[in-house]
Amino acid sequence: MKARIIVTLKRGVLDPQGKAVRGALSNLGFNQVKNVRVGKVIDVDLNGVEDEAQARALIEDMCRKLLANPVIEDFSYTLEDE
């Protein structure tokens, strides 16, 4: 089973990297861009997982313990069979 995890900053948390990207896009002539938020995508291949419920429990545990900072970040994920 494979998981794709998306980690983003919570609303209200300043995003200096997103601000820098927005400025660079503006400098390149993309003046239509109002705001940019930068996040990260993490692909995880799971081995020996019995079912979707077990995969969800594992992914959520990984995110809470390591992959996302619960104070400033949110996460979402999708699962697919290999």
PDB file of N, CA and C in Angstrom:
ATOM      1  N   MET A   1       0.852  -1.171   0.000  1.00  0.00           N
ATOM      2  CA  MET A   1       0.000   0.000   0.000  1.00  0.00           C
ATOM      3  C   MET A   1       0.901   1.238   0.000  1.00  0.00           C
ATOM      4  N   LYS A   2       0.455   2.259  -0.702  1.00  0.00           N
ATOM      5  CA  LYS A   2       1.202   3.520  -0.764  1.00  0.00           C
ATOM      6  C   LYS A   2       0.366   4.641  -0.169  1.00  0.00           C
ATOM      7  N   ALA A   3       1.060   5.571   0.465  1.00  0.00           N
ATOM      8  CA  ALA A   3       0.404   6.751   1.024  1.00  0.00           C
ATOM      9  C   ALA A   3       1.090   8.001   0.484  1.00  0.00           C
ATOM     10  N   ARG A   4       0.295   8.982   0.154  1.00  0.00           N
ATOM     11  CA  ARG A   4       0.807  10.313  -0.199  1.00  0.00           C
ATOM     12  C   ARG A   4       0.312  11.267   0.871  1.00  0.00           C
ATOM     13  N   ILE A   5       1.269  11.858   1.599  1.00  0.00           N
ATOM     14  CA  ILE A   5       0.970  12.743   2.718  1.00  0.00           C
ATOM     15  C   ILE A   5       1.266  14.173   2.292  1.00  0.00           C
ATOM     16  N   ILE A   6       0.346  15.068   2.571  1.00  0.00           N
ATOM     17  CA  ILE A   6       0.530  16.486   2.267  1.00  0.00           C
ATOM     18  C   ILE A   6       0.530  17.246   3.587  1.00  0.00           C
ATOM     19  N   VAL A   7       1.624  17.959   3.841  1.00  0.00           N
ATOM     20  CA  VAL A   7       1.782  18.732   5.076  1.00  0.00           C
ATOM     21  C   VAL A   7       1.797  20.213   4.702  1.00  0.00           C
ATOM     22  N   THR A   8       0.921  20.983   5.334  1.00  0.00           N
ATOM     23  CA  THR A   8       0.841  22.419   5.068  1.00  0.00           C
ATOM     24  C   THR A   8       0.809  23.187   6.385  1.00  0.00           C
ATOM     25  N   LEU A   9       1.208  24.430   6.317  1.00  0.00           N
ATOM     26  CA  LEU A   9       1.124  25.288   7.496  1.00  0.00           C
ATOM     27  C   LEU A   9      -0.338  25.591   7.802  1.00  0.00           C
ATOM     28  N   LYS A  10      -0.657  25.684   9.074  1.00  0.00           N
ATOM     29  CA  LYS A  10      -2.015  26.043   9.476  1.00  0.00           C
ATOM     30  C   LYS A  10      -2.306  27.477   9.050  1.00  0.00           C
ATOM     31  N   ARG A  11      -3.582  27.752   8.832  1.00  0.00           N
ATOM     32  CA  ARG A  11      -3.987  29.128   8.521  1.00  0.00           C
ATOM     33  C   ARG A  11      -3.558  30.034   9.662  1.00  0.00           C
ATOM     34  N   GLY A  12      -3.077  31.199   9.316  1.00  0.00           N
ATOM     35  CA  GLY A  12      -2.636  32.150  10.326  1.00  0.00           C
ATOM     36  C   GLY A  12      -1.161  32.051  10.676  1.00  0.00           C
ATOM     37  N   VAL A  13      -0.510  30.959  10.284  1.00  0.00           N
ATOM     38  CA  VAL A  13       0.927  30.820  10.524  1.00  0.00           C
ATOM     39  C   VAL A  13       1.658  31.479   9.363  1.00  0.00           C
ATOM     40  N   LEU A  14       2.589  32.360   9.681  1.00  0.00           N
ATOM     41  CA  LEU A  14       3.339  33.046   8.634  1.00  0.00           C
ATOM     42  C   LEU A  14       4.119  32.052   7.783  1.00  0.00           C
ATOM     43  N   ASP A  15       4.164  32.306   6.476  1.00  0.00           N
ATOM     44  CA  ASP A  15       4.840  31.424   5.532  1.00  0.00           C
ATOM     45  C   ASP A  15       5.871  32.237   4.741  1.00  0.00           C
ATOM     46  N   PRO A  16       7.080  32.438   5.324  1.00  0.00           N
ATOM     47  CA  PRO A  16       8.089  33.241   4.635  1.00  0.00           C
ATOM     48  C   PRO A  16       8.505  32.644   3.294  1.00  0.00           C
ATOM     49  N   GLN A  17       8.529  31.333   3.181  1.00  0.00           N
ATOM     50  CA  GLN A  17       8.896  30.715   1.906  1.00  0.00           C
ATOM     51  C   GLN A  17       7.822  30.995   0.857  1.00  0.00           C
ATOM     52  N   GLY A  18       6.572  30.901   1.243  1.00  0.00           N
ATOM     53  CA  GLY A  18       5.480  31.227   0.320  1.00  0.00           C
ATOM     54  C   GLY A  18       5.534  32.683  -0.113  1.00  0.00           C
ATOM     55  N   LYS A  19       5.865  33.568   0.823  1.00  0.00           N
ATOM     56  CA  LYS A  19       5.980  34.995   0.503  1.00  0.00           C
ATOM     57  C   LYS A  19       7.110  35.234  -0.497  1.00  0.00           C
ATOM     58  N   ALA A  20       8.232  34.537  -0.320  1.00  0.00           N
ATOM     59  CA  ALA A  20       9.364  34.669  -1.239  1.00  0.00           C
ATOM     60  C   ALA A  20       8.994  34.157  -2.634  1.00  0.00           C
ATOM     61  N   VAL A  21       8.278  33.034  -2.690  1.00  0.00           N
ATOM     62  CA  VAL A  21       7.854  32.494  -3.988  1.00  0.00           C
ATOM     63  C   VAL A  21       6.889  33.456  -4.672  1.00  0.00           C
ATOM     64  N   ARG A  22       5.952  34.017  -3.907  1.00  0.00           N
ATOM     65  CA  ARG A  22       5.014  34.979  -4.485  1.00  0.00           C
ATOM     66  C   ARG A  22       5.756  36.184  -5.048  1.00  0.00           C
ATOM     67  N   GLY A  23       6.762  36.693  -4.325  1.00  0.00           N
ATOM     68  CA  GLY A  23       7.553  37.820  -4.807  1.00  0.00           C
ATOM     69  C   GLY A  23       8.316  37.474  -6.075  1.00  0.00           C
ATOM     70  N   ALA A  24       8.892  36.263  -6.116  1.00  0.00           N
ATOM     71  CA  ALA A  24       9.628  35.840  -7.311  1.00  0.00           C
ATOM     72  C   ALA A  24       8.696  35.702  -8.505  1.00  0.00           C
ATOM     73  N   LEU A  25       7.506  35.153  -8.281  1.00  0.00           N
ATOM     74  CA  LEU A  25       6.542  35.038  -9.376  1.00  0.00           C
ATOM     75  C   LEU A  25       6.135  36.418  -9.893  1.00  0.00           C
ATOM     76  N   SER A  26       5.939  37.341  -8.978  1.00  0.00           N
ATOM     77  CA  SER A  26       5.597  38.709  -9.373  1.00  0.00           C
ATOM     78  C   SER A  26       6.720  39.328 -10.202  1.00  0.00           C
ATOM     79  N   ASN A  27       7.966  39.097  -9.780  1.00  0.00           N
ATOM     80  CA  ASN A  27       9.114  39.625 -10.524  1.00  0.00           C
ATOM     81  C   ASN A  27       9.215  39.024 -11.925  1.00  0.00           C
ATOM     82  N   LEU A  28       8.685  37.830 -12.090  1.00  0.00           N
ATOM     83  CA  LEU A  28       8.698  37.177 -13.402  1.00  0.00           C
ATOM     84  C   LEU A  28       7.481  37.544 -14.240  1.00  0.00           C
ATOM     85  N   GLY A  29       6.649  38.432 -13.724  1.00  0.00           N
ATOM     86  CA  GLY A  29       5.508  38.911 -14.495  1.00  0.00           C
ATOM     87  C   GLY A  29       4.190  38.212 -14.194  1.00  0.00           C
ATOM     88  N   PHE A  30       4.179  37.321 -13.224  1.00  0.00           N
ATOM     89  CA  PHE A  30       2.947  36.636 -12.858  1.00  0.00           C
ATOM     90  C   PHE A  30       2.222  37.447 -11.786  1.00  0.00           C
ATOM     91  N   ASN A  31       1.691  38.577 -12.182  1.00  0.00           N
ATOM     92  CA  ASN A  31       1.077  39.511 -11.245  1.00  0.00           C
ATOM     93  C   ASN A  31      -0.305  39.079 -10.782  1.00  0.00           C
ATOM     94  N   GLN A  32      -0.846  38.045 -11.389  1.00  0.00           N
ATOM     95  CA  GLN A  32      -2.172  37.551 -11.009  1.00  0.00           C
ATOM     96  C   GLN A  32      -2.145  36.758  -9.699  1.00  0.00           C
ATOM     97  N   VAL A  33      -0.966  36.357  -9.251  1.00  0.00           N
ATOM     98  CA  VAL A  33      -0.847  35.537  -8.042  1.00  0.00           C
ATOM     99  C   VAL A  33      -1.063  36.415  -6.815  1.00  0.00           C
ATOM    100  N   LYS A  34      -2.094  36.086  -6.065  1.00  0.00           N
ATOM    101  CA  LYS A  34      -2.427  36.871  -4.875  1.00  0.00           C
ATOM    102  C   LYS A  34      -1.657  36.377  -3.647  1.00  0.00           C
ATOM    103  N   ASN A  35      -1.549  35.049  -3.485  1.00  0.00           N
ATOM    104  CA  ASN A  35      -0.910  34.489  -2.302  1.00  0.00           C
ATOM    105  C   ASN A  35      -0.345  33.113  -2.640  1.00  0.00           C
ATOM    106  N   VAL A  36       0.716  32.724  -1.956  1.00  0.00           N
ATOM    107  CA  VAL A  36       1.318  31.401  -2.132  1.00  0.00           C
ATOM    108  C   VAL A  36       1.577  30.815  -0.752  1.00  0.00           C
ATOM    109  N   ARG A  37       1.201  29.555  -0.572  1.00  0.00           N
ATOM    110  CA  ARG A  37       1.515  28.807   0.641  1.00  0.00           C
ATOM    111  C   ARG A  37       2.337  27.600   0.199  1.00  0.00           C
ATOM    112  N   VAL A  38       3.444  27.355   0.843  1.00  0.00           N
ATOM    113  CA  VAL A  38       4.328  26.254   0.478  1.00  0.00           C
ATOM    114  C   VAL A  38       4.171  25.136   1.505  1.00  0.00           C
ATOM    115  N   GLY A  39       4.091  23.912   1.017  1.00  0.00           N
ATOM    116  CA  GLY A  39       3.985  22.745   1.888  1.00  0.00           C
ATOM    117  C   GLY A  39       4.949  21.679   1.411  1.00  0.00           C
ATOM    118  N   LYS A  40       4.718  20.463   1.860  1.00  0.00           N
ATOM    119  CA  LYS A  40       5.572  19.366   1.420  1.00  0.00           C
ATOM    120  C   LYS A  40       4.721  18.132   1.158  1.00  0.00           C
ATOM    121  N   VAL A  41       5.206  17.304   0.232  1.00  0.00           N
ATOM    122  CA  VAL A  41       4.560  16.042  -0.105  1.00  0.00           C
ATOM    123  C   VAL A  41       5.514  14.925   0.273  1.00  0.00           C
ATOM    124  N   ILE A  42       4.992  13.931   0.980  1.00  0.00           N
ATOM    125  CA  ILE A  42       5.795  12.795   1.415  1.00  0.00           C
ATOM    126  C   ILE A  42       5.120  11.525   0.913  1.00  0.00           C
ATOM    127  N   ASP A  43       5.831  10.735   0.124  1.00  0.00           N
ATOM    128  CA  ASP A  43       5.320   9.456  -0.363  1.00  0.00           C
ATOM    129  C   ASP A  43       5.903   8.346   0.492  1.00  0.00           C
ATOM    130  N   VAL A  44       5.043   7.479   1.002  1.00  0.00           N
ATOM    131  CA  VAL A  44       5.454   6.387   1.872  1.00  0.00           C
ATOM    132  C   VAL A  44       4.928   5.069   1.301  1.00  0.00           C
ATOM    133  N   ASP A  45       5.813   4.105   1.120  1.00  0.00           N
ATOM    134  CA  ASP A  45       5.420   2.752   0.736  1.00  0.00           C
ATOM    135  C   ASP A  45       5.339   1.915   1.998  1.00  0.00           C
ATOM    136  N   LEU A  46       4.191   1.310   2.229  1.00  0.00           N
ATOM    137  CA  LEU A  46       3.981   0.485   3.415  1.00  0.00           C
ATOM    138  C   LEU A  46       4.097  -0.987   3.053  1.00  0.00           C
ATOM    139  N   ASN A  47       4.695  -1.756   3.943  1.00  0.00           N
ATOM    140  CA  ASN A  47       4.886  -3.176   3.713  1.00  0.00           C
ATOM    141  C   ASN A  47       4.245  -3.956   4.864  1.00  0.00           C
ATOM    142  N   GLY A  48       3.562  -5.056   4.552  1.00  0.00           N
ATOM    143  CA  GLY A  48       2.989  -5.902   5.592  1.00  0.00           C
ATOM    144  C   GLY A  48       1.787  -5.308   6.286  1.00  0.00           C
ATOM    145  N   VAL A  49       1.083  -4.408   5.615  1.00  0.00           N
ATOM    146  CA  VAL A  49      -0.107  -3.786   6.198  1.00  0.00           C
ATOM    147  C   VAL A  49      -1.322  -4.634   5.821  1.00  0.00           C
ATOM    148  N   GLU A  50      -2.113  -4.988   6.817  1.00  0.00           N
ATOM    149  CA  GLU A  50      -3.249  -5.896   6.621  1.00  0.00           C
ATOM    150  C   GLU A  50      -4.414  -5.264   5.848  1.00  0.00           C
ATOM    151  N   ASP A  51      -4.775  -4.041   6.222  1.00  0.00           N
ATOM    152  CA  ASP A  51      -5.949  -3.416   5.604  1.00  0.00           C
ATOM    153  C   ASP A  51      -5.849  -1.891   5.669  1.00  0.00           C
ATOM    154  N   GLU A  52      -6.852  -1.240   5.103  1.00  0.00           N
ATOM    155  CA  GLU A  52      -6.846   0.227   5.039  1.00  0.00           C
ATOM    156  C   GLU A  52      -6.889   0.860   6.425  1.00  0.00           C
ATOM    157  N   ALA A  53      -7.630   0.280   7.345  1.00  0.00           N
ATOM    158  CA  ALA A  53      -7.718   0.839   8.698  1.00  0.00           C
ATOM    159  C   ALA A  53      -6.352   0.832   9.380  1.00  0.00           C
ATOM    160  N   GLN A  54      -5.604  -0.238   9.211  1.00  0.00           N
ATOM    161  CA  GLN A  54      -4.260  -0.317   9.798  1.00  0.00           C
ATOM    162  C   GLN A  54      -3.342   0.706   9.137  1.00  0.00           C
ATOM    163  N   ALA A  55      -3.443   0.853   7.814  1.00  0.00           N
ATOM    164  CA  ALA A  55      -2.617   1.830   7.099  1.00  0.00           C
ATOM    165  C   ALA A  55      -2.923   3.244   7.585  1.00  0.00           C
ATOM    166  N   ARG A  56      -4.204   3.567   7.732  1.00  0.00           N
ATOM    167  CA  ARG A  56      -4.580   4.902   8.214  1.00  0.00           C
ATOM    168  C   ARG A  56      -4.028   5.161   9.617  1.00  0.00           C
ATOM    169  N   ALA A  57      -4.125   4.173  10.482  1.00  0.00           N
ATOM    170  CA  ALA A  57      -3.606   4.333  11.851  1.00  0.00           C
ATOM    171  C   ALA A  57      -2.095   4.568  11.828  1.00  0.00           C
ATOM    172  N   LEU A  58      -1.387   3.820  11.005  1.00  0.00           N
ATOM    173  CA  LEU A  58       0.066   3.994  10.906  1.00  0.00           C
ATOM    174  C   LEU A  58       0.434   5.376  10.379  1.00  0.00           C
ATOM    175  N   ILE A  59      -0.205   5.785   9.294  1.00  0.00           N
ATOM    176  CA  ILE A  59       0.113   7.086   8.681  1.00  0.00           C
ATOM    177  C   ILE A  59      -0.179   8.220   9.657  1.00  0.00           C
ATOM    178  N   GLU A  60      -1.327   8.168  10.325  1.00  0.00           N
ATOM    179  CA  GLU A  60      -1.671   9.236  11.268  1.00  0.00           C
ATOM    180  C   GLU A  60      -0.688   9.274  12.438  1.00  0.00           C
ATOM    181  N   ASP A  61      -0.255   8.121  12.895  1.00  0.00           N
ATOM    182  CA  ASP A  61       0.733   8.061  13.973  1.00  0.00           C
ATOM    183  C   ASP A  61       2.070   8.644  13.506  1.00  0.00           C
ATOM    184  N   MET A  62       2.500   8.288  12.300  1.00  0.00           N
ATOM    185  CA  MET A  62       3.751   8.837  11.743  1.00  0.00           C
ATOM    186  C   MET A  62       3.689  10.355  11.645  1.00  0.00           C
ATOM    187  N   CYS A  63       2.553  10.858  11.165  1.00  0.00           N
ATOM    188  CA  CYS A  63       2.416  12.305  10.998  1.00  0.00           C
ATOM    189  C   CYS A  63       2.446  13.029  12.329  1.00  0.00           C
ATOM    190  N   ARG A  64       1.748  12.500  13.301  1.00  0.00           N
ATOM    191  CA  ARG A  64       1.694  13.148  14.620  1.00  0.00           C
ATOM    192  C   ARG A  64       3.037  13.102  15.351  1.00  0.00           C
ATOM    193  N   LYS A  65       3.811  12.023  15.126  1.00  0.00           N
ATOM    194  CA  LYS A  65       5.067  11.858  15.850  1.00  0.00           C
ATOM    195  C   LYS A  65       6.283  12.449  15.150  1.00  0.00           C
ATOM    196  N   LEU A  66       6.245  12.567  13.805  1.00  0.00           N
ATOM    197  CA  LEU A  66       7.452  12.998  13.108  1.00  0.00           C
ATOM    198  C   LEU A  66       7.214  13.887  11.889  1.00  0.00           C
ATOM    199  N   LEU A  67       6.309  13.496  11.028  1.00  0.00           N
ATOM    200  CA  LEU A  67       6.231  14.125   9.707  1.00  0.00           C
ATOM    201  C   LEU A  67       5.597  15.511   9.703  1.00  0.00           C
ATOM    202  N   ALA A  68       4.756  15.813  10.682  1.00  0.00           N
ATOM    203  CA  ALA A  68       4.124  17.133  10.764  1.00  0.00           C
ATOM    204  C   ALA A  68       4.257  17.660  12.189  1.00  0.00           C
ATOM    205  N   ASN A  69       4.467  18.956  12.298  1.00  0.00           N
ATOM    206  CA  ASN A  69       4.513  19.618  13.602  1.00  0.00           C
ATOM    207  C   ASN A  69       3.084  20.030  13.942  1.00  0.00           C
ATOM    208  N   PRO A  70       2.440  19.362  14.896  1.00  0.00           N
ATOM    209  CA  PRO A  70       1.024  19.628  15.155  1.00  0.00           C
ATOM    210  C   PRO A  70       0.726  21.040  15.660  1.00  0.00           C
ATOM    211  N   VAL A  71       1.730  21.746  16.106  1.00  0.00           N
ATOM    212  CA  VAL A  71       1.521  23.109  16.593  1.00  0.00           C
ATOM    213  C   VAL A  71       1.286  24.067  15.430  1.00  0.00           C
ATOM    214  N   ILE A  72       2.023  23.877  14.325  1.00  0.00           N
ATOM    215  CA  ILE A  72       1.935  24.838  13.218  1.00  0.00           C
ATOM    216  C   ILE A  72       1.526  24.225  11.885  1.00  0.00           C
ATOM    217  N   GLU A  73       1.392  22.892  11.812  1.00  0.00           N
ATOM    218  CA  GLU A  73       1.107  22.256  10.531  1.00  0.00           C
ATOM    219  C   GLU A  73      -0.115  21.342  10.601  1.00  0.00           C
ATOM    220  N   ASP A  74      -0.802  21.240   9.462  1.00  0.00           N
ATOM    221  CA  ASP A  74      -1.871  20.278   9.260  1.00  0.00           C
ATOM    222  C   ASP A  74      -1.382  19.240   8.268  1.00  0.00           C
ATOM    223  N   PHE A  75      -2.014  18.081   8.269  1.00  0.00           N
ATOM    224  CA  PHE A  75      -1.668  17.064   7.278  1.00  0.00           C
ATOM    225  C   PHE A  75      -2.929  16.402   6.745  1.00  0.00           C
ATOM    226  N   SER A  76      -2.813  15.922   5.528  1.00  0.00           N
ATOM    227  CA  SER A  76      -3.844  15.095   4.919  1.00  0.00           C
ATOM    228  C   SER A  76      -3.123  14.019   4.138  1.00  0.00           C
ATOM    229  N   TYR A  77      -3.847  12.974   3.762  1.00  0.00           N
ATOM    230  CA  TYR A  77      -3.183  11.893   3.023  1.00  0.00           C
ATOM    231  C   TYR A  77      -4.197  11.126   2.185  1.00  0.00           C
ATOM    232  N   THR A  78      -3.658  10.426   1.209  1.00  0.00           N
ATOM    233  CA  THR A  78      -4.447   9.498   0.404  1.00  0.00           C
ATOM    234  C   THR A  78      -3.725   8.162   0.418  1.00  0.00           C
ATOM    235  N   LEU A  79      -4.496   7.104   0.266  1.00  0.00           N
ATOM    236  CA  LEU A  79      -3.950   5.758   0.222  1.00  0.00           C
ATOM    237  C   LEU A  79      -4.304   5.109  -1.110  1.00  0.00           C
ATOM    238  N   GLU A  80      -3.418   4.275  -1.612  1.00  0.00           N
ATOM    239  CA  GLU A  80      -3.726   3.483  -2.799  1.00  0.00           C
ATOM    240  C   GLU A  80      -3.046   2.145  -2.698  1.00  0.00           C
ATOM    241  N   ASP A  81      -3.719   1.129  -3.227  1.00  0.00           N
ATOM    242  CA  ASP A  81      -3.110  -0.202  -3.284  1.00  0.00           C
ATOM    243  C   ASP A  81      -2.046  -0.215  -4.362  1.00  0.00           C
ATOM    244  N   GLU A  82      -1.037  -1.017  -4.166  1.00  0.00           N
ATOM    245  CA  GLU A  82       0.030  -1.102  -5.157  1.00  0.00           C
ATOM    246  C   GLU A  82      -0.403  -1.921  -6.339  1.00  0.00           C
TER     247      GLU A  82
END
